[in-house]
């Protein structure tokens, strides 16, 4: 999504463009997680209120704590479409952050592995959601145990500076496939991405 100062931002749990509006001299950014959960946060100095965003994500998780595979799959598809649609902008932003990084390096080391990660999650995600048998100690026989994967809620992702796209998208894909929502904190020197 384009930010007014020209920077590009890969946004956390949603891949729809953020709507920016100005009302009574204040700037408000629409926070839409792609479902029916929408919130607004006041923009100050080009940023938005993280507390409001976190609360919006928590509320969205409470409203739908165990999304079905179809919902998770759609979120992954939207992420993939966003990356493919904005590939040139992302490459330019990473180039600006590094002060001259070759496009081919960004494609090979970040973009292609990110898309492959999304495809792998879309292929195996339904299987990852299934419950699995787990062994029990002989002291508890004839009991049985199961491992039932469940979403945690809102996941924080802290991205290092060296491969910002792949190291943001990789954990994000895992969080979305698991049914979580996520907030991403980019590295301080990722000013354009």
N, C-alpha and C. Protein backbone atom coordinates (compact mmCIF):
# COMPACT_ATOMS: atom_id res chain seq x y z
N UNK A 1 0.84 -1.18 0.00
CA UNK A 1 0.00 0.00 0.00
C UNK A 1 0.88 1.23 0.00
N UNK A 2 0.48 2.24 -0.70
CA UNK A 2 1.26 3.46 -0.75
C UNK A 2 1.00 4.32 0.46
N UNK A 3 2.04 4.85 1.04
CA UNK A 3 1.94 5.76 2.17
C UNK A 3 2.13 7.16 1.60
N UNK A 4 1.48 8.18 2.17
CA UNK A 4 1.54 9.52 1.58
C UNK A 4 2.94 10.05 1.28
N UNK A 5 3.94 9.69 2.06
CA UNK A 5 5.28 10.22 1.81
C UNK A 5 6.04 9.40 0.78
N UNK A 6 5.35 8.44 0.12
CA UNK A 6 5.98 7.68 -0.94
C UNK A 6 6.59 6.37 -0.49
N UNK A 7 6.62 6.09 0.80
CA UNK A 7 7.19 4.84 1.30
C UNK A 7 6.22 3.70 1.03
N UNK A 8 6.73 2.49 0.98
CA UNK A 8 5.90 1.31 0.78
C UNK A 8 5.87 0.53 2.07
N UNK A 9 4.71 0.08 2.47
CA UNK A 9 4.56 -0.64 3.73
C UNK A 9 3.90 -1.98 3.48
N UNK A 10 4.56 -3.06 3.89
CA UNK A 10 3.93 -4.37 3.86
C UNK A 10 3.17 -4.47 5.16
N UNK A 11 1.86 -4.53 5.08
CA UNK A 11 1.04 -4.46 6.27
C UNK A 11 0.75 -5.85 6.78
N UNK A 12 0.50 -5.94 8.04
CA UNK A 12 0.52 -7.19 8.75
C UNK A 12 -0.52 -8.22 8.34
N UNK A 13 -1.70 -8.15 8.87
CA UNK A 13 -2.64 -9.22 8.64
C UNK A 13 -3.54 -8.95 7.46
N UNK A 14 -3.47 -7.82 6.89
CA UNK A 14 -4.35 -7.54 5.78
C UNK A 14 -3.53 -7.18 4.56
N UNK A 15 -4.12 -7.40 3.44
CA UNK A 15 -3.42 -7.08 2.21
C UNK A 15 -4.26 -6.18 1.32
N UNK A 16 -5.28 -5.58 1.89
CA UNK A 16 -6.06 -4.59 1.16
C UNK A 16 -5.46 -3.22 1.41
N UNK A 17 -5.55 -2.33 0.44
CA UNK A 17 -4.98 -0.99 0.66
C UNK A 17 -5.63 -0.30 1.85
N UNK A 18 -4.82 0.44 2.57
CA UNK A 18 -5.33 1.23 3.68
C UNK A 18 -5.93 2.51 3.12
N UNK A 19 -7.09 2.87 3.57
CA UNK A 19 -7.71 4.12 3.14
C UNK A 19 -7.29 5.21 4.11
N UNK A 20 -6.81 6.30 3.59
CA UNK A 20 -6.39 7.41 4.43
C UNK A 20 -7.38 8.55 4.22
N UNK A 21 -7.90 9.08 5.32
CA UNK A 21 -8.83 10.20 5.19
C UNK A 21 -8.44 11.29 6.17
N UNK A 22 -8.83 12.50 5.83
CA UNK A 22 -8.55 13.63 6.70
C UNK A 22 -9.88 14.23 7.13
N UNK A 23 -10.06 14.37 8.43
CA UNK A 23 -11.31 14.89 8.96
C UNK A 23 -10.97 15.85 10.09
N UNK A 24 -11.44 17.07 9.98
CA UNK A 24 -11.23 18.10 11.00
C UNK A 24 -9.75 18.29 11.32
N UNK A 25 -8.92 18.27 10.27
CA UNK A 25 -7.50 18.53 10.47
C UNK A 25 -6.71 17.33 10.98
N UNK A 26 -7.36 16.20 11.23
CA UNK A 26 -6.67 15.00 11.70
C UNK A 26 -6.68 13.97 10.58
N UNK A 27 -5.66 13.13 10.55
CA UNK A 27 -5.58 12.08 9.55
C UNK A 27 -5.90 10.76 10.22
N UNK A 28 -6.80 10.00 9.58
CA UNK A 28 -7.20 8.70 10.11
C UNK A 28 -6.91 7.65 9.06
N UNK A 29 -6.42 6.51 9.49
CA UNK A 29 -6.13 5.42 8.58
C UNK A 29 -7.07 4.27 8.90
N UNK A 30 -7.69 3.75 7.83
CA UNK A 30 -8.61 2.62 8.00
C UNK A 30 -7.79 1.36 8.18
N UNK A 31 -8.09 0.59 9.18
CA UNK A 31 -7.40 -0.66 9.48
C UNK A 31 -8.37 -1.80 9.17
N UNK A 32 -8.08 -2.52 8.09
CA UNK A 32 -8.98 -3.56 7.63
C UNK A 32 -8.20 -4.86 7.53
N UNK A 33 -8.61 -5.87 8.27
CA UNK A 33 -7.87 -7.13 8.25
C UNK A 33 -8.33 -8.07 7.15
N UNK A 34 -9.17 -7.59 6.26
CA UNK A 34 -9.60 -8.39 5.15
C UNK A 34 -10.88 -9.17 5.43
N UNK A 35 -11.28 -9.24 6.67
CA UNK A 35 -12.54 -9.90 7.01
C UNK A 35 -13.57 -8.80 7.21
N UNK A 36 -14.44 -8.97 8.17
CA UNK A 36 -15.42 -7.94 8.46
C UNK A 36 -14.94 -7.03 9.58
N UNK A 37 -13.72 -7.23 10.03
CA UNK A 37 -13.21 -6.48 11.17
C UNK A 37 -12.46 -5.25 10.69
N UNK A 38 -13.00 -4.10 11.01
CA UNK A 38 -12.41 -2.83 10.57
C UNK A 38 -12.26 -1.93 11.78
N UNK A 39 -11.16 -1.24 11.86
CA UNK A 39 -10.95 -0.27 12.92
C UNK A 39 -10.28 0.96 12.34
N UNK A 40 -10.21 2.01 13.12
CA UNK A 40 -9.55 3.23 12.66
C UNK A 40 -8.54 3.66 13.71
N UNK A 41 -7.43 4.20 13.27
CA UNK A 41 -6.41 4.71 14.17
C UNK A 41 -5.96 6.07 13.70
N UNK A 42 -5.74 6.98 14.63
CA UNK A 42 -5.31 8.32 14.26
C UNK A 42 -3.85 8.28 13.82
N UNK A 43 -3.57 8.93 12.71
CA UNK A 43 -2.23 8.99 12.17
C UNK A 43 -1.56 10.25 12.70
N UNK A 44 -0.40 10.09 13.32
CA UNK A 44 0.37 11.24 13.78
C UNK A 44 1.80 11.06 13.29
N UNK A 45 2.32 12.05 12.61
CA UNK A 45 3.69 12.01 12.10
C UNK A 45 3.93 10.80 11.21
N UNK A 46 2.98 10.42 10.37
CA UNK A 46 3.18 9.33 9.43
C UNK A 46 3.05 7.94 10.02
N UNK A 47 2.68 7.81 11.26
CA UNK A 47 2.51 6.51 11.88
C UNK A 47 1.09 6.39 12.39
N UNK A 48 0.71 5.24 12.86
CA UNK A 48 -0.61 5.09 13.45
C UNK A 48 -0.46 4.47 14.83
N UNK A 49 -1.47 4.62 15.62
CA UNK A 49 -1.45 4.19 17.01
C UNK A 49 -1.39 2.66 17.09
N UNK A 50 -0.26 2.13 17.56
CA UNK A 50 -0.08 0.69 17.64
C UNK A 50 -1.02 0.05 18.65
N UNK A 51 -1.31 0.75 19.73
CA UNK A 51 -2.24 0.21 20.73
C UNK A 51 -3.61 -0.03 20.14
N UNK A 52 -4.07 0.92 19.33
CA UNK A 52 -5.37 0.77 18.68
C UNK A 52 -5.34 -0.38 17.69
N UNK A 53 -4.26 -0.49 16.94
CA UNK A 53 -4.13 -1.58 15.97
C UNK A 53 -4.10 -2.94 16.67
N UNK A 54 -3.33 -3.04 17.75
CA UNK A 54 -3.26 -4.29 18.50
C UNK A 54 -4.63 -4.67 19.04
N UNK A 55 -5.34 -3.70 19.58
CA UNK A 55 -6.67 -3.98 20.11
C UNK A 55 -7.63 -4.41 19.00
N UNK A 56 -7.50 -3.79 17.82
CA UNK A 56 -8.33 -4.19 16.68
C UNK A 56 -8.06 -5.64 16.30
N UNK A 57 -6.78 -6.01 16.28
CA UNK A 57 -6.42 -7.39 15.95
C UNK A 57 -6.92 -8.37 17.02
N UNK A 58 -6.78 -8.00 18.28
CA UNK A 58 -7.27 -8.87 19.35
C UNK A 58 -8.78 -9.05 19.28
N UNK A 59 -9.48 -7.96 19.03
CA UNK A 59 -10.94 -8.05 18.91
C UNK A 59 -11.34 -8.93 17.72
N UNK A 60 -10.61 -8.79 16.62
CA UNK A 60 -10.90 -9.61 15.44
C UNK A 60 -10.66 -11.08 15.74
N UNK A 61 -9.61 -11.38 16.50
CA UNK A 61 -9.34 -12.77 16.87
C UNK A 61 -10.42 -13.32 17.79
N UNK A 62 -10.85 -12.51 18.74
CA UNK A 62 -11.91 -12.97 19.65
C UNK A 62 -13.21 -13.23 18.89
N UNK A 63 -13.47 -12.45 17.86
CA UNK A 63 -14.70 -12.62 17.08
C UNK A 63 -14.66 -13.90 16.25
N UNK A 64 -13.48 -14.30 15.80
CA UNK A 64 -13.33 -15.52 15.00
C UNK A 64 -12.04 -16.21 15.40
N UNK A 65 -12.01 -16.90 16.57
CA UNK A 65 -10.75 -17.44 17.07
C UNK A 65 -10.22 -18.66 16.32
N UNK A 66 -11.08 -19.39 15.63
CA UNK A 66 -10.64 -20.60 14.94
C UNK A 66 -11.09 -20.57 13.48
N UNK A 67 -10.41 -19.76 12.65
CA UNK A 67 -10.84 -19.66 11.25
C UNK A 67 -10.68 -20.99 10.52
N UNK A 68 -11.63 -21.27 9.65
CA UNK A 68 -11.58 -22.47 8.83
C UNK A 68 -10.46 -22.33 7.80
N UNK A 69 -10.10 -23.45 7.17
CA UNK A 69 -9.02 -23.44 6.20
C UNK A 69 -9.32 -22.51 5.03
N UNK A 70 -10.55 -22.41 4.59
CA UNK A 70 -10.89 -21.55 3.47
C UNK A 70 -10.53 -20.10 3.75
N UNK A 71 -10.76 -19.64 4.98
CA UNK A 71 -10.42 -18.26 5.38
C UNK A 71 -8.91 -18.08 5.38
N UNK A 72 -8.20 -19.03 5.95
CA UNK A 72 -6.73 -18.95 6.00
C UNK A 72 -6.15 -18.97 4.59
N UNK A 73 -6.68 -19.84 3.75
CA UNK A 73 -6.21 -19.95 2.36
C UNK A 73 -6.42 -18.64 1.61
N UNK A 74 -7.57 -18.01 1.81
CA UNK A 74 -7.85 -16.73 1.16
C UNK A 74 -6.87 -15.64 1.63
N UNK A 75 -6.56 -15.64 2.91
CA UNK A 75 -5.58 -14.66 3.42
C UNK A 75 -4.22 -14.86 2.77
N UNK A 76 -3.81 -16.11 2.61
CA UNK A 76 -2.53 -16.39 1.96
C UNK A 76 -2.57 -16.00 0.48
N UNK A 77 -3.69 -16.26 -0.17
CA UNK A 77 -3.82 -15.85 -1.58
C UNK A 77 -3.73 -14.34 -1.73
N UNK A 78 -4.37 -13.61 -0.82
CA UNK A 78 -4.31 -12.13 -0.90
C UNK A 78 -2.90 -11.63 -0.67
N UNK A 79 -2.18 -12.27 0.25
CA UNK A 79 -0.79 -11.89 0.49
C UNK A 79 0.04 -12.12 -0.76
N UNK A 80 -0.14 -13.28 -1.39
CA UNK A 80 0.60 -13.58 -2.62
C UNK A 80 0.26 -12.59 -3.72
N UNK A 81 -1.02 -12.28 -3.90
CA UNK A 81 -1.43 -11.31 -4.93
C UNK A 81 -0.84 -9.94 -4.65
N UNK A 82 -0.81 -9.54 -3.37
CA UNK A 82 -0.25 -8.24 -3.04
C UNK A 82 1.23 -8.19 -3.40
N UNK A 83 1.97 -9.24 -3.06
CA UNK A 83 3.39 -9.27 -3.37
C UNK A 83 3.62 -9.24 -4.88
N UNK A 84 2.86 -10.02 -5.62
CA UNK A 84 3.03 -10.06 -7.07
C UNK A 84 2.62 -8.74 -7.72
N UNK A 85 1.57 -8.12 -7.22
CA UNK A 85 1.11 -6.85 -7.78
C UNK A 85 2.12 -5.73 -7.55
N UNK A 86 2.73 -5.73 -6.38
CA UNK A 86 3.63 -4.63 -5.99
C UNK A 86 5.10 -5.03 -6.03
N UNK A 87 5.44 -6.03 -6.83
CA UNK A 87 6.82 -6.51 -6.88
C UNK A 87 7.81 -5.41 -7.22
N UNK A 88 7.54 -4.63 -8.24
CA UNK A 88 8.47 -3.58 -8.65
C UNK A 88 8.64 -2.52 -7.56
N UNK A 89 7.54 -2.16 -6.90
CA UNK A 89 7.61 -1.18 -5.82
C UNK A 89 8.42 -1.71 -4.64
N UNK A 90 8.23 -2.97 -4.32
CA UNK A 90 8.97 -3.59 -3.21
C UNK A 90 10.46 -3.62 -3.54
N UNK A 91 10.79 -4.02 -4.76
CA UNK A 91 12.19 -4.07 -5.16
C UNK A 91 12.82 -2.68 -5.12
N UNK A 92 12.09 -1.67 -5.56
CA UNK A 92 12.61 -0.30 -5.51
C UNK A 92 12.80 0.17 -4.07
N UNK A 93 11.89 -0.20 -3.20
CA UNK A 93 12.00 0.20 -1.79
C UNK A 93 13.20 -0.47 -1.13
N UNK A 94 13.40 -1.74 -1.40
CA UNK A 94 14.56 -2.44 -0.83
C UNK A 94 15.85 -1.87 -1.40
N UNK A 95 15.85 -1.56 -2.69
CA UNK A 95 17.02 -0.93 -3.32
C UNK A 95 17.35 0.40 -2.63
N UNK A 96 16.33 1.19 -2.34
CA UNK A 96 16.55 2.48 -1.66
C UNK A 96 17.04 2.27 -0.23
N UNK A 97 16.52 1.27 0.46
CA UNK A 97 16.97 1.00 1.83
C UNK A 97 18.43 0.57 1.88
N UNK A 98 18.87 -0.19 0.88
CA UNK A 98 20.24 -0.68 0.86
C UNK A 98 21.18 0.27 0.14
N UNK A 99 20.65 1.31 -0.46
CA UNK A 99 21.49 2.26 -1.17
C UNK A 99 22.09 1.68 -2.43
N UNK A 100 21.35 0.81 -3.10
CA UNK A 100 21.82 0.24 -4.35
C UNK A 100 21.94 -1.27 -4.29
N UNK A 101 20.86 -1.95 -4.13
CA UNK A 101 20.87 -3.42 -4.12
C UNK A 101 20.34 -3.91 -5.47
N UNK A 102 21.03 -4.84 -6.11
CA UNK A 102 20.57 -5.33 -7.42
C UNK A 102 19.18 -5.97 -7.33
N UNK A 103 18.38 -5.69 -8.34
CA UNK A 103 17.02 -6.24 -8.39
C UNK A 103 17.04 -7.75 -8.40
N UNK A 104 17.99 -8.33 -9.11
CA UNK A 104 18.05 -9.79 -9.21
C UNK A 104 18.32 -10.41 -7.84
N UNK A 105 19.12 -9.75 -7.01
CA UNK A 105 19.38 -10.28 -5.66
C UNK A 105 18.10 -10.25 -4.82
N UNK A 106 17.34 -9.18 -4.93
CA UNK A 106 16.08 -9.10 -4.20
C UNK A 106 15.12 -10.17 -4.68
N UNK A 107 15.08 -10.40 -5.98
CA UNK A 107 14.17 -11.42 -6.51
C UNK A 107 14.57 -12.81 -6.04
N UNK A 108 15.86 -13.14 -6.17
CA UNK A 108 16.32 -14.50 -5.86
C UNK A 108 16.35 -14.77 -4.36
N UNK A 109 16.77 -13.80 -3.57
CA UNK A 109 16.95 -14.04 -2.13
C UNK A 109 15.72 -13.71 -1.30
N UNK A 110 14.79 -12.93 -1.84
CA UNK A 110 13.64 -12.52 -1.03
C UNK A 110 12.30 -12.79 -1.68
N UNK A 111 12.13 -12.32 -2.91
CA UNK A 111 10.80 -12.40 -3.52
C UNK A 111 10.42 -13.84 -3.85
N UNK A 112 11.25 -14.56 -4.58
CA UNK A 112 10.92 -15.93 -4.98
C UNK A 112 10.76 -16.86 -3.77
N UNK A 113 11.65 -16.80 -2.76
CA UNK A 113 11.42 -17.65 -1.59
C UNK A 113 10.14 -17.29 -0.82
N UNK A 114 9.77 -16.01 -0.83
CA UNK A 114 8.53 -15.60 -0.16
C UNK A 114 7.32 -16.21 -0.85
N UNK A 115 7.30 -16.16 -2.18
CA UNK A 115 6.20 -16.74 -2.94
C UNK A 115 6.18 -18.26 -2.75
N UNK A 116 7.36 -18.90 -2.73
CA UNK A 116 7.43 -20.35 -2.51
C UNK A 116 6.91 -20.72 -1.13
N UNK A 117 7.20 -19.90 -0.13
CA UNK A 117 6.71 -20.13 1.23
C UNK A 117 5.18 -20.07 1.27
N UNK A 118 4.63 -19.10 0.58
CA UNK A 118 3.17 -18.97 0.54
C UNK A 118 2.55 -20.18 -0.16
N UNK A 119 3.12 -20.59 -1.28
CA UNK A 119 2.59 -21.75 -2.01
C UNK A 119 2.66 -23.02 -1.16
N UNK A 120 3.77 -23.21 -0.45
CA UNK A 120 3.91 -24.39 0.41
C UNK A 120 2.86 -24.39 1.51
N UNK A 121 2.60 -23.24 2.09
CA UNK A 121 1.58 -23.15 3.14
C UNK A 121 0.19 -23.39 2.57
N UNK A 122 -0.08 -22.90 1.38
CA UNK A 122 -1.39 -23.12 0.76
C UNK A 122 -1.57 -24.60 0.41
N UNK A 123 -0.49 -25.27 0.08
CA UNK A 123 -0.55 -26.69 -0.26
C UNK A 123 -0.71 -27.58 0.97
N UNK A 124 0.03 -27.27 2.04
CA UNK A 124 0.04 -28.15 3.21
C UNK A 124 -0.76 -27.68 4.40
N UNK A 125 -1.32 -26.50 4.33
CA UNK A 125 -1.99 -25.92 5.49
C UNK A 125 -3.15 -26.72 6.03
N UNK A 126 -3.96 -27.27 5.17
CA UNK A 126 -5.11 -28.06 5.64
C UNK A 126 -4.62 -29.26 6.45
N UNK A 127 -3.55 -29.91 5.99
CA UNK A 127 -2.97 -31.05 6.71
C UNK A 127 -2.39 -30.61 8.06
N UNK A 128 -1.78 -29.42 8.09
CA UNK A 128 -1.19 -28.93 9.34
C UNK A 128 -2.24 -28.69 10.41
N UNK A 129 -3.48 -28.43 9.99
CA UNK A 129 -4.55 -28.13 10.93
C UNK A 129 -5.12 -29.37 11.62
N UNK A 130 -4.90 -30.55 11.04
CA UNK A 130 -5.51 -31.77 11.57
C UNK A 130 -4.89 -32.17 12.91
N UNK A 131 -5.73 -32.76 13.73
CA UNK A 131 -5.21 -33.25 15.01
C UNK A 131 -4.40 -34.51 14.77
N UNK A 132 -3.40 -34.72 15.65
CA UNK A 132 -2.50 -35.86 15.54
C UNK A 132 -2.46 -36.60 16.86
N UNK A 133 -2.31 -37.90 16.77
CA UNK A 133 -2.19 -38.71 17.98
C UNK A 133 -0.86 -38.42 18.65
N UNK A 134 -0.84 -38.49 19.95
CA UNK A 134 0.38 -38.34 20.73
C UNK A 134 0.47 -39.50 21.71
N UNK A 135 1.66 -39.94 21.97
CA UNK A 135 1.84 -41.06 22.89
C UNK A 135 1.63 -40.64 24.35
N UNK A 136 1.29 -41.62 25.16
CA UNK A 136 1.15 -41.37 26.60
C UNK A 136 2.04 -42.35 27.35
N UNK A 137 2.42 -41.98 28.52
CA UNK A 137 3.25 -42.83 29.36
C UNK A 137 2.48 -44.10 29.74
N UNK A 138 3.22 -45.16 29.99
CA UNK A 138 2.56 -46.41 30.35
C UNK A 138 1.76 -46.28 31.64
N UNK A 139 2.09 -45.30 32.46
CA UNK A 139 1.38 -45.10 33.73
C UNK A 139 -0.04 -44.59 33.52
N UNK A 140 -0.29 -44.05 32.32
CA UNK A 140 -1.61 -43.49 32.04
C UNK A 140 -2.44 -44.36 31.10
N UNK A 141 -1.94 -45.55 30.73
CA UNK A 141 -2.68 -46.45 29.86
C UNK A 141 -3.96 -46.90 30.55
N UNK A 142 -5.01 -47.04 29.87
CA UNK A 142 -5.28 -47.06 28.45
C UNK A 142 -5.65 -45.70 27.89
N UNK A 143 -5.19 -44.63 28.47
CA UNK A 143 -5.52 -43.29 28.00
C UNK A 143 -4.96 -43.05 26.60
N UNK A 144 -5.49 -42.05 25.95
CA UNK A 144 -4.97 -41.62 24.65
C UNK A 144 -4.85 -40.10 24.67
N UNK A 145 -4.01 -39.58 23.81
CA UNK A 145 -3.78 -38.13 23.77
C UNK A 145 -3.73 -37.67 22.32
N UNK A 146 -4.10 -36.41 22.12
CA UNK A 146 -4.10 -35.80 20.79
C UNK A 146 -3.43 -34.44 20.86
N UNK A 147 -2.79 -34.08 19.79
CA UNK A 147 -2.28 -32.72 19.62
C UNK A 147 -3.24 -32.03 18.66
N UNK A 148 -3.84 -30.96 19.12
CA UNK A 148 -4.81 -30.22 18.30
C UNK A 148 -4.28 -28.81 18.07
N UNK A 149 -3.73 -28.53 16.88
CA UNK A 149 -3.21 -27.18 16.61
C UNK A 149 -4.31 -26.13 16.72
N UNK A 150 -4.03 -25.05 17.42
CA UNK A 150 -4.98 -23.96 17.61
C UNK A 150 -4.25 -22.62 17.44
N UNK A 151 -4.93 -21.63 16.87
CA UNK A 151 -4.32 -20.30 16.75
C UNK A 151 -4.06 -19.69 18.13
N UNK A 152 -3.00 -18.91 18.23
CA UNK A 152 -2.65 -18.25 19.49
C UNK A 152 -3.34 -16.91 19.65
N UNK A 153 -3.61 -16.23 18.56
CA UNK A 153 -4.21 -14.90 18.62
C UNK A 153 -3.43 -13.93 17.77
N UNK A 154 -2.79 -12.97 18.39
CA UNK A 154 -1.99 -11.98 17.67
C UNK A 154 -0.52 -12.30 17.89
N UNK A 155 0.22 -12.45 16.80
CA UNK A 155 1.63 -12.82 16.84
C UNK A 155 2.47 -11.61 16.47
N UNK A 156 3.53 -11.36 17.23
CA UNK A 156 4.46 -10.27 16.92
C UNK A 156 5.62 -10.81 16.10
N UNK A 157 5.97 -10.11 15.02
CA UNK A 157 7.09 -10.51 14.16
C UNK A 157 8.06 -9.35 14.10
N UNK A 158 9.29 -9.59 14.54
CA UNK A 158 10.34 -8.56 14.49
C UNK A 158 11.29 -8.95 13.37
N UNK A 159 11.46 -8.04 12.42
CA UNK A 159 12.19 -8.34 11.19
C UNK A 159 13.59 -7.73 11.24
N UNK A 160 14.63 -8.53 11.02
CA UNK A 160 15.98 -7.96 10.93
C UNK A 160 16.17 -7.19 9.63
N UNK A 161 17.28 -6.52 9.48
CA UNK A 161 17.49 -5.60 8.38
C UNK A 161 17.98 -6.25 7.10
N UNK A 162 18.66 -7.41 7.17
CA UNK A 162 19.40 -7.90 6.01
C UNK A 162 18.53 -8.44 4.87
N UNK A 163 17.46 -9.14 5.16
CA UNK A 163 16.53 -9.62 4.13
C UNK A 163 15.12 -9.30 4.60
N UNK A 164 14.74 -8.04 4.53
CA UNK A 164 13.50 -7.60 5.18
C UNK A 164 12.22 -8.22 4.62
N UNK A 165 12.15 -8.44 3.32
CA UNK A 165 10.91 -8.99 2.77
C UNK A 165 10.73 -10.44 3.17
N UNK A 166 11.71 -11.27 2.91
CA UNK A 166 11.58 -12.70 3.20
C UNK A 166 11.46 -12.96 4.70
N UNK A 167 12.20 -12.20 5.51
CA UNK A 167 12.15 -12.42 6.95
C UNK A 167 10.91 -11.80 7.60
N UNK A 168 10.13 -11.07 6.82
CA UNK A 168 8.81 -10.62 7.27
C UNK A 168 7.73 -11.56 6.77
N UNK A 169 7.83 -11.94 5.49
CA UNK A 169 6.79 -12.77 4.88
C UNK A 169 6.84 -14.20 5.40
N UNK A 170 8.03 -14.77 5.59
CA UNK A 170 8.14 -16.15 6.07
C UNK A 170 7.38 -16.39 7.36
N UNK A 171 7.67 -15.66 8.43
CA UNK A 171 6.90 -15.84 9.67
C UNK A 171 5.43 -15.44 9.53
N UNK A 172 5.16 -14.43 8.69
CA UNK A 172 3.78 -14.01 8.48
C UNK A 172 2.96 -15.14 7.84
N UNK A 173 3.55 -15.83 6.89
CA UNK A 173 2.86 -16.95 6.24
C UNK A 173 2.52 -18.02 7.27
N UNK A 174 3.48 -18.36 8.12
CA UNK A 174 3.22 -19.35 9.16
C UNK A 174 2.13 -18.91 10.12
N UNK A 175 2.14 -17.63 10.48
CA UNK A 175 1.11 -17.11 11.38
C UNK A 175 -0.27 -17.15 10.73
N UNK A 176 -0.35 -16.74 9.46
CA UNK A 176 -1.65 -16.74 8.77
C UNK A 176 -2.15 -18.16 8.53
N UNK A 177 -1.25 -19.07 8.16
CA UNK A 177 -1.65 -20.46 7.94
C UNK A 177 -2.15 -21.10 9.23
N UNK A 178 -1.59 -20.68 10.35
CA UNK A 178 -2.02 -21.21 11.65
C UNK A 178 -3.30 -20.56 12.16
N UNK A 179 -3.80 -19.55 11.45
CA UNK A 179 -5.04 -18.89 11.84
C UNK A 179 -4.85 -17.71 12.76
N UNK A 180 -3.61 -17.25 12.90
CA UNK A 180 -3.31 -16.12 13.75
C UNK A 180 -3.42 -14.81 12.98
N UNK A 181 -3.35 -13.74 13.72
CA UNK A 181 -3.19 -12.40 13.17
C UNK A 181 -1.78 -11.98 13.57
N UNK A 182 -1.24 -10.98 12.91
CA UNK A 182 0.16 -10.63 13.18
C UNK A 182 0.39 -9.13 13.08
N UNK A 183 1.36 -8.69 13.87
CA UNK A 183 1.89 -7.32 13.77
C UNK A 183 3.37 -7.46 13.44
N UNK A 184 3.82 -6.66 12.47
CA UNK A 184 5.21 -6.73 12.04
C UNK A 184 5.92 -5.45 12.44
N UNK A 185 7.10 -5.62 13.04
CA UNK A 185 7.97 -4.48 13.32
C UNK A 185 9.18 -4.61 12.41
N UNK A 186 9.28 -3.69 11.47
CA UNK A 186 10.40 -3.69 10.54
C UNK A 186 11.63 -3.11 11.22
N UNK A 187 12.80 -3.42 10.67
CA UNK A 187 14.05 -2.88 11.19
C UNK A 187 14.08 -1.36 10.99
N UNK A 188 14.82 -0.69 11.83
CA UNK A 188 14.88 0.78 11.79
C UNK A 188 15.42 1.29 10.46
N UNK A 189 16.32 0.53 9.82
CA UNK A 189 16.88 1.02 8.56
C UNK A 189 16.08 0.53 7.34
N UNK A 190 14.91 -0.04 7.56
CA UNK A 190 14.00 -0.37 6.45
C UNK A 190 13.02 0.80 6.31
N UNK A 191 13.54 1.93 5.92
CA UNK A 191 12.74 3.15 5.88
C UNK A 191 11.76 3.19 4.71
N UNK A 192 12.05 2.51 3.62
CA UNK A 192 11.21 2.60 2.43
C UNK A 192 10.27 1.41 2.27
N UNK A 193 10.59 0.32 2.90
CA UNK A 193 9.74 -0.88 2.79
C UNK A 193 8.70 -0.88 3.88
